[in-house]
Amino acid sequence: MAQVVAKVPAAAVAAGGLVGGYGVARWTGKRPLGGVALAAAGALAAYEWNRQAGPRAAAGLGVAYVAAFAGSHPLAKKVGAWPAVFAVAGGVAAASWAVTRRAAQR
């Protein structure tokens, strides 16, 4: 399984988890189901962050992932739901890319 995981960048998994989690919750009308998608992608991304950049980076990016999810809610009141979700997903993807890229260069 780790070989399959390594082919999808953790940044894409994290961003996809935020977008997909919201999409699942919205389209099914079941928020807990969206939470399952969000958590599953977050766990997979955290696994990759830990593998690529170590536990401290994984913890920091995990906090960023949860903060992005939480922050998307008040942001949605100002800019709309989908723009907020895409904005926070892009932020998490950028942070993930930067951290894992830096770790790979060492």
PDB file of N, CA and C in Angstrom:
ATOM      1  N   MET A   1       0.818  -1.191   0.000  1.00  0.00           N
ATOM      2  CA  MET A   1       0.000   0.000   0.000  1.00  0.00           C
ATOM      3  C   MET A   1       0.857   1.247   0.000  1.00  0.00           C
ATOM      4  N   ALA A   2       1.974   1.262   0.691  1.00  0.00           N
ATOM      5  CA  ALA A   2       2.820   2.445   0.757  1.00  0.00           C
ATOM      6  C   ALA A   2       3.313   2.856  -0.619  1.00  0.00           C
ATOM      7  N   GLN A   3       3.493   1.896  -1.519  1.00  0.00           N
ATOM      8  CA  GLN A   3       3.929   2.249  -2.863  1.00  0.00           C
ATOM      9  C   GLN A   3       2.845   3.013  -3.610  1.00  0.00           C
ATOM     10  N   VAL A   4       1.606   2.667  -3.409  1.00  0.00           N
ATOM     11  CA  VAL A   4       0.502   3.374  -4.045  1.00  0.00           C
ATOM     12  C   VAL A   4       0.378   4.765  -3.456  1.00  0.00           C
ATOM     13  N   VAL A   5       0.494   4.872  -2.136  1.00  0.00           N
ATOM     14  CA  VAL A   5       0.381   6.149  -1.447  1.00  0.00           C
ATOM     15  C   VAL A   5       1.447   7.114  -1.935  1.00  0.00           C
ATOM     16  N   ALA A   6       2.654   6.631  -2.135  1.00  0.00           N
ATOM     17  CA  ALA A   6       3.756   7.492  -2.515  1.00  0.00           C
ATOM     18  C   ALA A   6       3.547   8.143  -3.879  1.00  0.00           C
ATOM     19  N   LYS A   7       2.703   7.616  -4.719  1.00  0.00           N
ATOM     20  CA  LYS A   7       2.469   8.175  -6.047  1.00  0.00           C
ATOM     21  C   LYS A   7       1.541   9.395  -6.014  1.00  0.00           C
ATOM     22  N   VAL A   8       0.776   9.566  -4.965  1.00  0.00           N
ATOM     23  CA  VAL A   8      -0.104  10.717  -4.833  1.00  0.00           C
ATOM     24  C   VAL A   8       0.505  11.643  -3.781  1.00  0.00           C
ATOM     25  N   PRO A   9       0.855  12.869  -4.162  1.00  0.00           N
ATOM     26  CA  PRO A   9       1.478  13.779  -3.190  1.00  0.00           C
ATOM     27  C   PRO A   9       0.568  14.043  -1.989  1.00  0.00           C
ATOM     28  N   ALA A  10       1.176  14.135  -0.827  1.00  0.00           N
ATOM     29  CA  ALA A  10       0.413  14.397   0.393  1.00  0.00           C
ATOM     30  C   ALA A  10      -0.347  15.710   0.287  1.00  0.00           C
ATOM     31  N   ALA A  11       0.199  16.685  -0.426  1.00  0.00           N
ATOM     32  CA  ALA A  11      -0.496  17.963  -0.605  1.00  0.00           C
ATOM     33  C   ALA A  11      -1.828  17.753  -1.321  1.00  0.00           C
ATOM     34  N   ALA A  12      -1.840  16.897  -2.318  1.00  0.00           N
ATOM     35  CA  ALA A  12      -3.077  16.623  -3.058  1.00  0.00           C
ATOM     36  C   ALA A  12      -4.067  15.847  -2.205  1.00  0.00           C
ATOM     37  N   VAL A  13      -3.564  14.929  -1.395  1.00  0.00           N
ATOM     38  CA  VAL A  13      -4.444  14.154  -0.513  1.00  0.00           C
ATOM     39  C   VAL A  13      -5.106  15.081   0.509  1.00  0.00           C
ATOM     40  N   ALA A  14      -4.321  15.972   1.108  1.00  0.00           N
ATOM     41  CA  ALA A  14      -4.865  16.887   2.109  1.00  0.00           C
ATOM     42  C   ALA A  14      -5.885  17.836   1.491  1.00  0.00           C
ATOM     43  N   ALA A  15      -5.545  18.435   0.368  1.00  0.00           N
ATOM     44  CA  ALA A  15      -6.488  19.343  -0.294  1.00  0.00           C
ATOM     45  C   ALA A  15      -7.742  18.589  -0.728  1.00  0.00           C
ATOM     46  N   GLY A  16      -7.544  17.399  -1.266  1.00  0.00           N
ATOM     47  CA  GLY A  16      -8.680  16.587  -1.678  1.00  0.00           C
ATOM     48  C   GLY A  16      -9.561  16.187  -0.508  1.00  0.00           C
ATOM     49  N   GLY A  17      -8.960  15.988   0.646  1.00  0.00           N
ATOM     50  CA  GLY A  17      -9.741  15.647   1.838  1.00  0.00           C
ATOM     51  C   GLY A  17     -10.640  16.787   2.282  1.00  0.00           C
ATOM     52  N   LEU A  18     -10.120  17.998   2.222  1.00  0.00           N
ATOM     53  CA  LEU A  18     -10.933  19.154   2.597  1.00  0.00           C
ATOM     54  C   LEU A  18     -12.064  19.383   1.593  1.00  0.00           C
ATOM     55  N   VAL A  19     -11.731  19.355   0.322  1.00  0.00           N
ATOM     56  CA  VAL A  19     -12.746  19.552  -0.722  1.00  0.00           C
ATOM     57  C   VAL A  19     -13.720  18.373  -0.748  1.00  0.00           C
ATOM     58  N   GLY A  20     -13.178  17.174  -0.728  1.00  0.00           N
ATOM     59  CA  GLY A  20     -14.024  15.984  -0.784  1.00  0.00           C
ATOM     60  C   GLY A  20     -14.903  15.830   0.439  1.00  0.00           C
ATOM     61  N   GLY A  21     -14.361  16.131   1.607  1.00  0.00           N
ATOM     62  CA  GLY A  21     -15.162  16.040   2.828  1.00  0.00           C
ATOM     63  C   GLY A  21     -16.358  16.971   2.780  1.00  0.00           C
ATOM     64  N   TYR A  22     -16.117  18.197   2.322  1.00  0.00           N
ATOM     65  CA  TYR A  22     -17.230  19.136   2.203  1.00  0.00           C
ATOM     66  C   TYR A  22     -18.213  18.661   1.130  1.00  0.00           C
ATOM     67  N   GLY A  23     -17.686  18.210   0.017  1.00  0.00           N
ATOM     68  CA  GLY A  23     -18.555  17.750  -1.065  1.00  0.00           C
ATOM     69  C   GLY A  23     -19.430  16.584  -0.645  1.00  0.00           C
ATOM     70  N   VAL A  24     -18.848  15.627   0.035  1.00  0.00           N
ATOM     71  CA  VAL A  24     -19.622  14.472   0.508  1.00  0.00           C
ATOM     72  C   VAL A  24     -20.713  14.924   1.473  1.00  0.00           C
ATOM     73  N   ALA A  25     -20.353  15.797   2.414  1.00  0.00           N
ATOM     74  CA  ALA A  25     -21.344  16.277   3.382  1.00  0.00           C
ATOM     75  C   ALA A  25     -22.467  17.040   2.688  1.00  0.00           C
ATOM     76  N   ARG A  26     -22.103  17.859   1.739  1.00  0.00           N
ATOM     77  CA  ARG A  26     -23.115  18.670   1.045  1.00  0.00           C
ATOM     78  C   ARG A  26     -24.026  17.814   0.166  1.00  0.00           C
ATOM     79  N   TRP A  27     -23.434  16.919  -0.603  1.00  0.00           N
ATOM     80  CA  TRP A  27     -24.226  16.171  -1.576  1.00  0.00           C
ATOM     81  C   TRP A  27     -25.023  15.027  -0.974  1.00  0.00           C
ATOM     82  N   THR A  28     -24.559  14.510   0.154  1.00  0.00           N
ATOM     83  CA  THR A  28     -25.329  13.442   0.802  1.00  0.00           C
ATOM     84  C   THR A  28     -26.275  13.985   1.856  1.00  0.00           C
ATOM     85  N   GLY A  29     -25.997  15.209   2.318  1.00  0.00           N
ATOM     86  CA  GLY A  29     -26.789  15.768   3.411  1.00  0.00           C
ATOM     87  C   GLY A  29     -26.431  15.161   4.759  1.00  0.00           C
ATOM     88  N   LYS A  30     -25.353  14.404   4.809  1.00  0.00           N
ATOM     89  CA  LYS A  30     -24.924  13.739   6.038  1.00  0.00           C
ATOM     90  C   LYS A  30     -23.541  14.254   6.430  1.00  0.00           C
ATOM     91  N   ARG A  31     -23.524  15.196   7.359  1.00  0.00           N
ATOM     92  CA  ARG A  31     -22.257  15.799   7.785  1.00  0.00           C
ATOM     93  C   ARG A  31     -21.275  14.774   8.353  1.00  0.00           C
ATOM     94  N   PRO A  32     -21.746  13.787   9.144  1.00  0.00           N
ATOM     95  CA  PRO A  32     -20.788  12.801   9.652  1.00  0.00           C
ATOM     96  C   PRO A  32     -20.077  12.022   8.540  1.00  0.00           C
ATOM     97  N   LEU A  33     -20.765  11.774   7.452  1.00  0.00           N
ATOM     98  CA  LEU A  33     -20.141  11.077   6.333  1.00  0.00           C
ATOM     99  C   LEU A  33     -19.036  11.935   5.709  1.00  0.00           C
ATOM    100  N   GLY A  34     -19.278  13.228   5.620  1.00  0.00           N
ATOM    101  CA  GLY A  34     -18.235  14.143   5.167  1.00  0.00           C
ATOM    102  C   GLY A  34     -17.054  14.149   6.128  1.00  0.00           C
ATOM    103  N   GLY A  35     -17.352  14.049   7.418  1.00  0.00           N
ATOM    104  CA  GLY A  35     -16.295  13.988   8.422  1.00  0.00           C
ATOM    105  C   GLY A  35     -15.439  12.740   8.285  1.00  0.00           C
ATOM    106  N   VAL A  36     -16.065  11.636   7.898  1.00  0.00           N
ATOM    107  CA  VAL A  36     -15.313  10.398   7.676  1.00  0.00           C
ATOM    108  C   VAL A  36     -14.342  10.587   6.514  1.00  0.00           C
ATOM    109  N   ALA A  37     -14.816  11.193   5.425  1.00  0.00           N
ATOM    110  CA  ALA A  37     -13.943  11.445   4.268  1.00  0.00           C
ATOM    111  C   ALA A  37     -12.808  12.391   4.652  1.00  0.00           C
ATOM    112  N   LEU A  38     -13.133  13.438   5.392  1.00  0.00           N
ATOM    113  CA  LEU A  38     -12.136  14.406   5.851  1.00  0.00           C
ATOM    114  C   LEU A  38     -11.085  13.721   6.724  1.00  0.00           C
ATOM    115  N   ALA A  39     -11.530  12.909   7.663  1.00  0.00           N
ATOM    116  CA  ALA A  39     -10.614  12.229   8.585  1.00  0.00           C
ATOM    117  C   ALA A  39      -9.752  11.189   7.865  1.00  0.00           C
ATOM    118  N   ALA A  40     -10.345  10.448   6.939  1.00  0.00           N
ATOM    119  CA  ALA A  40      -9.583   9.421   6.218  1.00  0.00           C
ATOM    120  C   ALA A  40      -8.469  10.059   5.391  1.00  0.00           C
ATOM    121  N   ALA A  41      -8.792  11.125   4.694  1.00  0.00           N
ATOM    122  CA  ALA A  41      -7.770  11.813   3.907  1.00  0.00           C
ATOM    123  C   ALA A  41      -6.721  12.440   4.813  1.00  0.00           C
ATOM    124  N   GLY A  42      -7.152  12.996   5.937  1.00  0.00           N
ATOM    125  CA  GLY A  42      -6.209  13.577   6.890  1.00  0.00           C
ATOM    126  C   GLY A  42      -5.255  12.544   7.449  1.00  0.00           C
ATOM    127  N   ALA A  43      -5.761  11.365   7.753  1.00  0.00           N
ATOM    128  CA  ALA A  43      -4.911  10.287   8.269  1.00  0.00           C
ATOM    129  C   ALA A  43      -3.896   9.830   7.223  1.00  0.00           C
ATOM    130  N   LEU A  44      -4.346   9.697   5.989  1.00  0.00           N
ATOM    131  CA  LEU A  44      -3.451   9.294   4.915  1.00  0.00           C
ATOM    132  C   LEU A  44      -2.385  10.366   4.662  1.00  0.00           C
ATOM    133  N   ALA A  45      -2.807  11.622   4.660  1.00  0.00           N
ATOM    134  CA  ALA A  45      -1.846  12.712   4.478  1.00  0.00           C
ATOM    135  C   ALA A  45      -0.838  12.732   5.635  1.00  0.00           C
ATOM    136  N   ALA A  46      -1.318  12.544   6.856  1.00  0.00           N
ATOM    137  CA  ALA A  46      -0.423  12.550   8.024  1.00  0.00           C
ATOM    138  C   ALA A  46       0.597  11.420   7.935  1.00  0.00           C
ATOM    139  N   TYR A  47       0.164  10.267   7.463  1.00  0.00           N
ATOM    140  CA  TYR A  47       1.087   9.150   7.265  1.00  0.00           C
ATOM    141  C   TYR A  47       2.210   9.556   6.308  1.00  0.00           C
ATOM    142  N   GLU A  48       1.824  10.179   5.206  1.00  0.00           N
ATOM    143  CA  GLU A  48       2.818  10.601   4.218  1.00  0.00           C
ATOM    144  C   GLU A  48       3.691  11.729   4.742  1.00  0.00           C
ATOM    145  N   TRP A  49       3.117  12.689   5.461  1.00  0.00           N
ATOM    146  CA  TRP A  49       3.913  13.768   6.039  1.00  0.00           C
ATOM    147  C   TRP A  49       4.956  13.201   6.995  1.00  0.00           C
ATOM    148  N   ASN A  50       4.544  12.240   7.801  1.00  0.00           N
ATOM    149  CA  ASN A  50       5.481  11.619   8.739  1.00  0.00           C
ATOM    150  C   ASN A  50       6.576  10.866   7.985  1.00  0.00           C
ATOM    151  N   ARG A  51       6.204  10.156   6.965  1.00  0.00           N
ATOM    152  CA  ARG A  51       7.173   9.383   6.179  1.00  0.00           C
ATOM    153  C   ARG A  51       8.156  10.300   5.461  1.00  0.00           C
ATOM    154  N   GLN A  52       7.663  11.392   4.910  1.00  0.00           N
ATOM    155  CA  GLN A  52       8.498  12.268   4.105  1.00  0.00           C
ATOM    156  C   GLN A  52       9.284  13.292   4.918  1.00  0.00           C
ATOM    157  N   ALA A  53       8.678  13.808   5.991  1.00  0.00           N
ATOM    158  CA  ALA A  53       9.303  14.928   6.692  1.00  0.00           C
ATOM    159  C   ALA A  53       9.462  14.729   8.192  1.00  0.00           C
ATOM    160  N   GLY A  54       8.952  13.635   8.739  1.00  0.00           N
ATOM    161  CA  GLY A  54       9.134  13.356  10.152  1.00  0.00           C
ATOM    162  C   GLY A  54       7.928  13.720  10.999  1.00  0.00           C
ATOM    163  N   PRO A  55       7.965  13.295  12.259  1.00  0.00           N
ATOM    164  CA  PRO A  55       6.804  13.468  13.134  1.00  0.00           C
ATOM    165  C   PRO A  55       6.482  14.921  13.486  1.00  0.00           C
ATOM    166  N   ARG A  56       7.500  15.754  13.649  1.00  0.00           N
ATOM    167  CA  ARG A  56       7.221  17.162  13.982  1.00  0.00           C
ATOM    168  C   ARG A  56       6.501  17.856  12.832  1.00  0.00           C
ATOM    169  N   ALA A  57       6.957  17.618  11.617  1.00  0.00           N
ATOM    170  CA  ALA A  57       6.310  18.215  10.448  1.00  0.00           C
ATOM    171  C   ALA A  57       4.897  17.668  10.298  1.00  0.00           C
ATOM    172  N   ALA A  58       4.735  16.374  10.513  1.00  0.00           N
ATOM    173  CA  ALA A  58       3.408  15.762  10.394  1.00  0.00           C
ATOM    174  C   ALA A  58       2.452  16.358  11.429  1.00  0.00           C
ATOM    175  N   ALA A  59       2.931  16.561  12.640  1.00  0.00           N
ATOM    176  CA  ALA A  59       2.085  17.159  13.681  1.00  0.00           C
ATOM    177  C   ALA A  59       1.701  18.587  13.312  1.00  0.00           C
ATOM    178  N   GLY A  60       2.658  19.359  12.850  1.00  0.00           N
ATOM    179  CA  GLY A  60       2.371  20.732  12.467  1.00  0.00           C
ATOM    180  C   GLY A  60       1.400  20.823  11.299  1.00  0.00           C
ATOM    181  N   LEU A  61       1.607  19.978  10.304  1.00  0.00           N
ATOM    182  CA  LEU A  61       0.705  19.981   9.162  1.00  0.00           C
ATOM    183  C   LEU A  61      -0.669  19.431   9.529  1.00  0.00           C
ATOM    184  N   GLY A  62      -0.701  18.498  10.463  1.00  0.00           N
ATOM    185  CA  GLY A  62      -1.989  17.993  10.953  1.00  0.00           C
ATOM    186  C   GLY A  62      -2.781  19.085  11.652  1.00  0.00           C
ATOM    187  N   VAL A  63      -2.089  19.888  12.451  1.00  0.00           N
ATOM    188  CA  VAL A  63      -2.743  21.028  13.103  1.00  0.00           C
ATOM    189  C   VAL A  63      -3.251  22.013  12.048  1.00  0.00           C
ATOM    190  N   ALA A  64      -2.437  22.255  11.025  1.00  0.00           N
ATOM    191  CA  ALA A  64      -2.853  23.156   9.945  1.00  0.00           C
ATOM    192  C   ALA A  64      -4.092  22.614   9.226  1.00  0.00           C
ATOM    193  N   TYR A  65      -4.141  21.321   9.026  1.00  0.00           N
ATOM    194  CA  TYR A  65      -5.283  20.682   8.358  1.00  0.00           C
ATOM    195  C   TYR A  65      -6.561  20.896   9.165  1.00  0.00           C
ATOM    196  N   VAL A  66      -6.490  20.644  10.460  1.00  0.00           N
ATOM    197  CA  VAL A  66      -7.663  20.818  11.326  1.00  0.00           C
ATOM    198  C   VAL A  66      -8.039  22.301  11.417  1.00  0.00           C
ATOM    199  N   ALA A  67      -7.034  23.174  11.514  1.00  0.00           N
ATOM    200  CA  ALA A  67      -7.299  24.615  11.578  1.00  0.00           C
ATOM    201  C   ALA A  67      -7.941  25.108  10.277  1.00  0.00           C
ATOM    202  N   ALA A  68      -7.521  24.551   9.158  1.00  0.00           N
ATOM    203  CA  ALA A  68      -8.117  24.936   7.878  1.00  0.00           C
ATOM    204  C   ALA A  68      -9.585  24.532   7.834  1.00  0.00           C
ATOM    205  N   PHE A  69      -9.873  23.328   8.293  1.00  0.00           N
ATOM    206  CA  PHE A  69     -11.263  22.878   8.350  1.00  0.00           C
ATOM    207  C   PHE A  69     -12.084  23.814   9.233  1.00  0.00           C
ATOM    208  N   ALA A  70     -11.580  24.112  10.417  1.00  0.00           N
ATOM    209  CA  ALA A  70     -12.310  24.994  11.336  1.00  0.00           C
ATOM    210  C   ALA A  70     -12.419  26.410  10.767  1.00  0.00           C
ATOM    211  N   GLY A  71     -11.347  26.887  10.179  1.00  0.00           N
ATOM    212  CA  GLY A  71     -11.342  28.243   9.643  1.00  0.00           C
ATOM    213  C   GLY A  71     -12.210  28.427   8.415  1.00  0.00           C
ATOM    214  N   SER A  72     -12.497  27.349   7.725  1.00  0.00           N
ATOM    215  CA  SER A  72     -13.338  27.468   6.534  1.00  0.00           C
ATOM    216  C   SER A  72     -14.768  27.876   6.888  1.00  0.00           C
ATOM    217  N   HIS A  73     -15.205  27.559   8.083  1.00  0.00           N
ATOM    218  CA  HIS A  73     -16.576  27.868   8.473  1.00  0.00           C
ATOM    219  C   HIS A  73     -16.821  29.377   8.599  1.00  0.00           C
ATOM    220  N   PRO A  74     -16.031  30.118   9.376  1.00  0.00           N
ATOM    221  CA  PRO A  74     -16.262  31.570   9.413  1.00  0.00           C
ATOM    222  C   PRO A  74     -15.932  32.250   8.075  1.00  0.00           C
ATOM    223  N   LEU A  75     -14.948  31.725   7.371  1.00  0.00           N
ATOM    224  CA  LEU A  75     -14.616  32.293   6.072  1.00  0.00           C
ATOM    225  C   LEU A  75     -15.776  32.126   5.097  1.00  0.00           C
ATOM    226  N   ALA A  76     -16.487  31.012   5.180  1.00  0.00           N
ATOM    227  CA  ALA A  76     -17.626  30.755   4.296  1.00  0.00           C
ATOM    228  C   ALA A  76     -18.726  31.798   4.467  1.00  0.00           C
ATOM    229  N   LYS A  77     -18.861  32.334   5.658  1.00  0.00           N
ATOM    230  CA  LYS A  77     -19.879  33.370   5.890  1.00  0.00           C
ATOM    231  C   LYS A  77     -19.545  34.655   5.133  1.00  0.00           C
ATOM    232  N   LYS A  78     -18.276  34.839   4.818  1.00  0.00           N
ATOM    233  CA  LYS A  78     -17.842  36.062   4.130  1.00  0.00           C
ATOM    234  C   LYS A  78     -17.736  35.889   2.626  1.00  0.00           C
ATOM    235  N   VAL A  79     -17.274  34.732   2.170  1.00  0.00           N
ATOM    236  CA  VAL A  79     -17.002  34.563   0.736  1.00  0.00           C
ATOM    237  C   VAL A  79     -17.826  33.454   0.084  1.00  0.00           C
ATOM    238  N   GLY A  80     -18.547  32.691   0.866  1.00  0.00           N
ATOM    239  CA  GLY A  80     -19.306  31.564   0.332  1.00  0.00           C
ATOM    240  C   GLY A  80     -18.615  30.254   0.659  1.00  0.00           C
ATOM    241  N   ALA A  81     -19.385  29.182   0.638  1.00  0.00           N
ATOM    242  CA  ALA A  81     -18.868  27.887   1.083  1.00  0.00           C
ATOM    243  C   ALA A  81     -17.768  27.344   0.183  1.00  0.00           C
ATOM    244  N   TRP A  82     -18.056  27.204  -1.108  1.00  0.00           N
ATOM    245  CA  TRP A  82     -17.052  26.608  -1.987  1.00  0.00           C
ATOM    246  C   TRP A  82     -15.781  27.451  -2.083  1.00  0.00           C
ATOM    247  N   PRO A  83     -15.882  28.787  -2.233  1.00  0.00           N
ATOM    248  CA  PRO A  83     -14.636  29.568  -2.255  1.00  0.00           C
ATOM    249  C   PRO A  83     -13.816  29.400  -0.971  1.00  0.00           C
ATOM    250  N   ALA A  84     -14.494  29.317   0.171  1.00  0.00           N
ATOM    251  CA  ALA A  84     -13.785  29.133   1.433  1.00  0.00           C
ATOM    252  C   ALA A  84     -13.081  27.779   1.475  1.00  0.00           C
ATOM    253  N   VAL A  85     -13.777  26.741   1.050  1.00  0.00           N
ATOM    254  CA  VAL A  85     -13.179  25.403   1.056  1.00  0.00           C
ATOM    255  C   VAL A  85     -11.977  25.352   0.115  1.00  0.00           C
ATOM    256  N   PHE A  86     -12.119  25.913  -1.071  1.00  0.00           N
ATOM    257  CA  PHE A  86     -10.990  25.909  -2.013  1.00  0.00           C
ATOM    258  C   PHE A  86      -9.822  26.743  -1.484  1.00  0.00           C
ATOM    259  N   ALA A  87     -10.114  27.849  -0.815  1.00  0.00           N
ATOM    260  CA  ALA A  87      -9.041  28.695  -0.271  1.00  0.00           C
ATOM    261  C   ALA A  87      -8.246  27.956   0.802  1.00  0.00           C
ATOM    262  N   VAL A  88      -8.940  27.331   1.745  1.00  0.00           N
ATOM    263  CA  VAL A  88      -8.209  26.643   2.810  1.00  0.00           C
ATOM    264  C   VAL A  88      -7.515  25.397   2.276  1.00  0.00           C
ATOM    265  N   ALA A  89      -8.131  24.731   1.306  1.00  0.00           N
ATOM    266  CA  ALA A  89      -7.489  23.555   0.709  1.00  0.00           C
ATOM    267  C   ALA A  89      -6.203  23.966   0.008  1.00  0.00           C
ATOM    268  N   GLY A  90      -6.240  25.082  -0.690  1.00  0.00           N
ATOM    269  CA  GLY A  90      -5.032  25.585  -1.344  1.00  0.00           C
ATOM    270  C   GLY A  90      -3.955  25.962  -0.347  1.00  0.00           C
ATOM    271  N   GLY A  91      -4.353  26.548   0.763  1.00  0.00           N
ATOM    272  CA  GLY A  91      -3.383  26.903   1.805  1.00  0.00           C
ATOM    273  C   GLY A  91      -2.712  25.679   2.411  1.00  0.00           C
ATOM    274  N   VAL A  92      -3.494  24.668   2.697  1.00  0.00           N
ATOM    275  CA  VAL A  92      -2.934  23.433   3.261  1.00  0.00           C
ATOM    276  C   VAL A  92      -2.045  22.734   2.233  1.00  0.00           C
ATOM    277  N   ALA A  93      -2.474  22.723   0.986  1.00  0.00           N
ATOM    278  CA  ALA A  93      -1.655  22.094  -0.056  1.00  0.00           C
ATOM    279  C   ALA A  93      -0.323  22.818  -0.200  1.00  0.00           C
ATOM    280  N   ALA A  94      -0.347  24.139  -0.176  1.00  0.00           N
ATOM    281  CA  ALA A  94       0.891  24.911  -0.294  1.00  0.00           C
ATOM    282  C   ALA A  94       1.823  24.653   0.891  1.00  0.00           C
ATOM    283  N   ALA A  95       1.256  24.628   2.091  1.00  0.00           N
ATOM    284  CA  ALA A  95       2.071  24.356   3.275  1.00  0.00           C
ATOM    285  C   ALA A  95       2.659  22.948   3.215  1.00  0.00           C
ATOM    286  N   SER A  96       1.849  21.997   2.827  1.00  0.00           N
ATOM    287  CA  SER A  96       2.308  20.615   2.711  1.00  0.00           C
ATOM    288  C   SER A  96       3.435  20.504   1.692  1.00  0.00           C
ATOM    289  N   TRP A  97       3.237  21.100   0.545  1.00  0.00           N
ATOM    290  CA  TRP A  97       4.256  21.054  -0.507  1.00  0.00           C
ATOM    291  C   TRP A  97       5.562  21.677  -0.017  1.00  0.00           C
ATOM    292  N   ALA A  98       5.466  22.836   0.639  1.00  0.00           N
ATOM    293  CA  ALA A  98       6.666  23.524   1.104  1.00  0.00           C
ATOM    294  C   ALA A  98       7.427  22.696   2.142  1.00  0.00           C
ATOM    295  N   VAL A  99       6.696  22.129   3.084  1.00  0.00           N
ATOM    296  CA  VAL A  99       7.346  21.358   4.154  1.00  0.00           C
ATOM    297  C   VAL A  99       7.955  20.077   3.612  1.00  0.00           C
ATOM    298  N   THR A 100       7.223  19.346   2.807  1.00  0.00           N
ATOM    299  CA  THR A 100       7.759  18.076   2.304  1.00  0.00           C
ATOM    300  C   THR A 100       8.873  18.321   1.293  1.00  0.00           C
ATOM    301  N   ARG A 101       8.798  19.395   0.533  1.00  0.00           N
ATOM    302  CA  ARG A 101       9.868  19.725  -0.433  1.00  0.00           C
ATOM    303  C   ARG A 101      11.155  20.057   0.307  1.00  0.00           C
ATOM    304  N   ARG A 102      11.023  20.838   1.361  1.00  0.00           N
ATOM    305  CA  ARG A 102      12.205  21.206   2.155  1.00  0.00           C
ATOM    306  C   ARG A 102      12.840  19.963   2.764  1.00  0.00           C
ATOM    307  N   ALA A 103      12.015  19.073   3.273  1.00  0.00           N
ATOM    308  CA  ALA A 103      12.535  17.836   3.884  1.00  0.00           C
ATOM    309  C   ALA A 103      13.229  16.969   2.836  1.00  0.00           C
ATOM    310  N   ALA A 104      12.710  16.938   1.619  1.00  0.00           N
ATOM    311  CA  ALA A 104      13.307  16.112   0.565  1.00  0.00           C
ATOM    312  C   ALA A 104      14.649  16.665   0.111  1.00  0.00           C
ATOM    313  N   GLN A 105      14.861  17.961   0.282  1.00  0.00           N
ATOM    314  CA  GLN A 105      16.122  18.580  -0.157  1.00  0.00           C
ATOM    315  C   GLN A 105      17.252  18.368   0.852  1.00  0.00           C
ATOM    316  N   ARG A 106      16.932  17.909   2.033  1.00  0.00           N
ATOM    317  CA  ARG A 106      17.983  17.710   3.053  1.00  0.00           C
ATOM    318  C   ARG A 106      18.763  16.470   2.784  1.00  0.00           C
TER     319      ARG A 106
END
